[in-house]
Amino acid sequence: QVQLVESGGGLVQTGGSLNLSCAVSGSIYSISRISRMDWYRQTAGKQRELVAASANGETTNYADSVKGRFTVSRDNAKNTGYLQMNILKPDDTAVYYCNAQGIYHDGNYYRPFNDWGRGTQVIVSA
């Protein structure tokens, strides 16, 4: 029903930057509103870690490990969120996921959604 697709990951050297995108779309439904978009990351053998939590595209909380280096933004017209990552470190190496919550219209009713993307790999070389 609702799909999230992350992109922008890749291999970068320490100190480099990447800008991840999370595009939210409905296969046959229309997205009415994205109330929240959060970014997580996960490495093998570890639990998924919250990187940045953004409600209504305004209030954003960042994990201490990324404060001052990562910035969340959103283009509501495109239903797309972004995670700008600067001054990357090897510890930032992980699969990055976005989670979005909001409302979609199925042609008859407005319904809530809470969905995840499949992730995009970020590798920061030393």
Protein backbone atom coordinates (compact mmCIF):
# COMPACT_ATOMS: atom_id res chain seq x y z
CA GLN A 1 0.00 0.00 0.00
CA VAL A 2 2.61 2.54 1.09
CA GLN A 3 6.21 2.16 0.00
CA LEU A 4 9.35 3.75 1.32
CA VAL A 5 12.49 3.67 -0.79
CA GLU A 6 15.83 4.80 0.58
CA SER A 7 18.66 5.84 -1.69
CA GLY A 8 21.95 7.69 -1.59
CA GLY A 9 24.06 5.21 0.31
CA GLY A 10 27.49 4.16 -0.81
CA LEU A 11 31.18 4.05 0.00
CA VAL A 12 32.82 7.21 1.28
CA GLN A 13 36.07 8.08 2.98
CA THR A 14 36.31 9.33 6.54
CA GLY A 15 35.33 12.96 6.65
CA GLY A 16 33.16 12.70 3.59
CA SER A 17 29.46 13.34 3.13
CA LEU A 18 26.40 11.53 1.88
CA ASN A 19 22.80 12.63 1.47
CA LEU A 20 20.28 9.87 1.95
CA SER A 21 16.75 10.11 0.58
CA CYS A 22 13.56 8.40 1.64
CA ALA A 23 10.75 8.61 -0.89
CA VAL A 24 7.26 7.76 0.34
CA SER A 25 4.65 6.69 -2.18
CA GLY A 26 1.42 4.77 -2.45
CA SER A 27 1.24 2.16 -5.19
CA ILE A 28 -2.38 2.96 -5.92
CA TYR A 29 -3.13 5.21 -2.98
CA SER A 30 -2.27 8.82 -2.39
CA ILE A 31 -0.21 10.04 0.51
CA SER A 32 -2.15 12.70 2.37
CA ARG A 33 0.29 13.57 5.08
CA ILE A 34 3.56 12.41 6.56
CA SER A 35 3.41 13.24 10.23
CA ARG A 36 6.68 11.68 11.21
CA MET A 37 9.84 10.40 9.57
CA ASP A 38 12.61 8.79 11.55
CA TRP A 39 16.00 7.49 10.48
CA TYR A 40 17.60 4.40 11.96
CA ARG A 41 20.75 2.44 11.31
CA GLN A 42 21.80 -1.09 12.00
CA THR A 43 25.02 -3.05 11.88
CA ALA A 44 25.35 -6.81 11.89
CA GLY A 45 24.63 -8.34 15.27
CA LYS A 46 23.34 -5.12 16.80
CA GLN A 47 19.92 -3.67 17.40
CA ARG A 48 18.55 -1.01 15.15
CA GLU A 49 19.59 2.39 16.47
CA LEU A 50 17.56 5.59 16.21
CA VAL A 51 19.64 8.23 14.45
CA ALA A 52 17.16 11.09 13.99
CA ALA A 53 13.50 11.49 14.87
CA SER A 54 11.51 14.16 13.08
CA ALA A 55 7.86 15.01 13.78
CA ASN A 56 5.91 17.12 11.28
CA GLY A 57 9.20 18.10 9.68
CA GLU A 58 9.92 20.51 12.50
CA THR A 59 11.01 19.03 15.78
CA THR A 60 14.03 16.80 15.29
CA ASN A 61 16.01 14.88 17.85
CA TYR A 62 19.38 13.41 17.02
CA ALA A 63 21.39 10.66 18.61
CA ASP A 64 24.35 12.08 20.52
CA SER A 65 26.73 10.27 18.20
CA VAL A 66 25.53 12.25 15.16
CA LYS A 67 24.66 15.66 16.62
CA GLY A 68 26.29 18.46 14.70
CA ARG A 69 27.09 16.18 11.77
CA PHE A 70 23.71 14.88 10.53
CA THR A 71 20.75 17.01 9.46
CA VAL A 72 17.21 15.97 8.62
CA SER A 73 15.06 17.78 6.10
CA ARG A 74 11.90 17.12 4.15
CA ASP A 75 10.28 18.09 0.87
CA ASN A 76 6.58 17.70 1.56
CA ALA A 77 5.64 18.32 -2.06
CA LYS A 78 7.68 15.27 -3.05
CA ASN A 79 6.85 13.20 0.05
CA THR A 80 10.57 12.75 0.48
CA GLY A 81 12.81 13.05 3.50
CA TYR A 82 16.54 13.51 3.56
CA LEU A 83 19.37 12.73 5.94
CA GLN A 84 22.42 14.84 5.19
CA MET A 85 25.45 13.18 6.75
CA ASN A 86 28.67 15.13 7.08
CA ILE A 87 32.06 14.44 8.63
CA LEU A 88 31.40 10.74 8.35
CA LYS A 89 33.30 8.32 10.52
CA PRO A 90 33.91 4.57 10.22
CA ASP A 91 31.49 4.10 13.14
CA ASP A 92 28.74 5.47 10.92
CA THR A 93 29.02 2.39 8.71
CA ALA A 94 25.63 0.68 8.77
CA VAL A 95 22.47 0.01 6.83
CA TYR A 96 20.28 3.08 7.15
CA TYR A 97 16.51 2.77 7.27
CA CYS A 98 13.71 5.29 7.27
CA ASN A 99 10.40 4.84 9.03
CA ALA A 100 7.47 7.04 8.14
CA GLN A 101 4.08 7.50 9.72
CA GLY A 102 1.18 9.42 8.34
CA ILE A 103 -2.12 9.24 6.51
CA TYR A 104 -2.98 7.90 3.07
CA HIS A 105 -6.24 7.89 1.13
CA ASP A 106 -7.40 4.59 -0.33
CA GLY A 107 -10.02 6.11 -2.57
CA ASN A 108 -12.69 5.96 0.07
CA TYR A 109 -11.16 6.53 3.45
CA TYR A 110 -8.19 8.13 5.11
CA ARG A 111 -6.06 5.52 6.84
CA PRO A 112 -2.91 5.65 8.95
CA PHE A 113 0.34 4.10 7.85
CA ASN A 114 3.54 3.20 9.64
CA ASP A 115 6.06 1.67 7.28
CA TRP A 116 9.75 0.96 6.78
CA GLY A 117 12.03 1.11 3.82
CA ARG A 118 14.41 -1.69 2.92
CA GLY A 119 17.50 0.26 3.80
CA THR A 120 20.54 1.66 2.06
CA GLN A 121 24.10 0.65 2.88
CA VAL A 122 26.60 3.25 4.03
CA ILE A 123 30.27 2.30 4.29
CA VAL A 124 32.82 4.75 5.63
CA SER A 125 36.39 3.72 5.01
CA ALA A 126 39.15 4.65 7.42
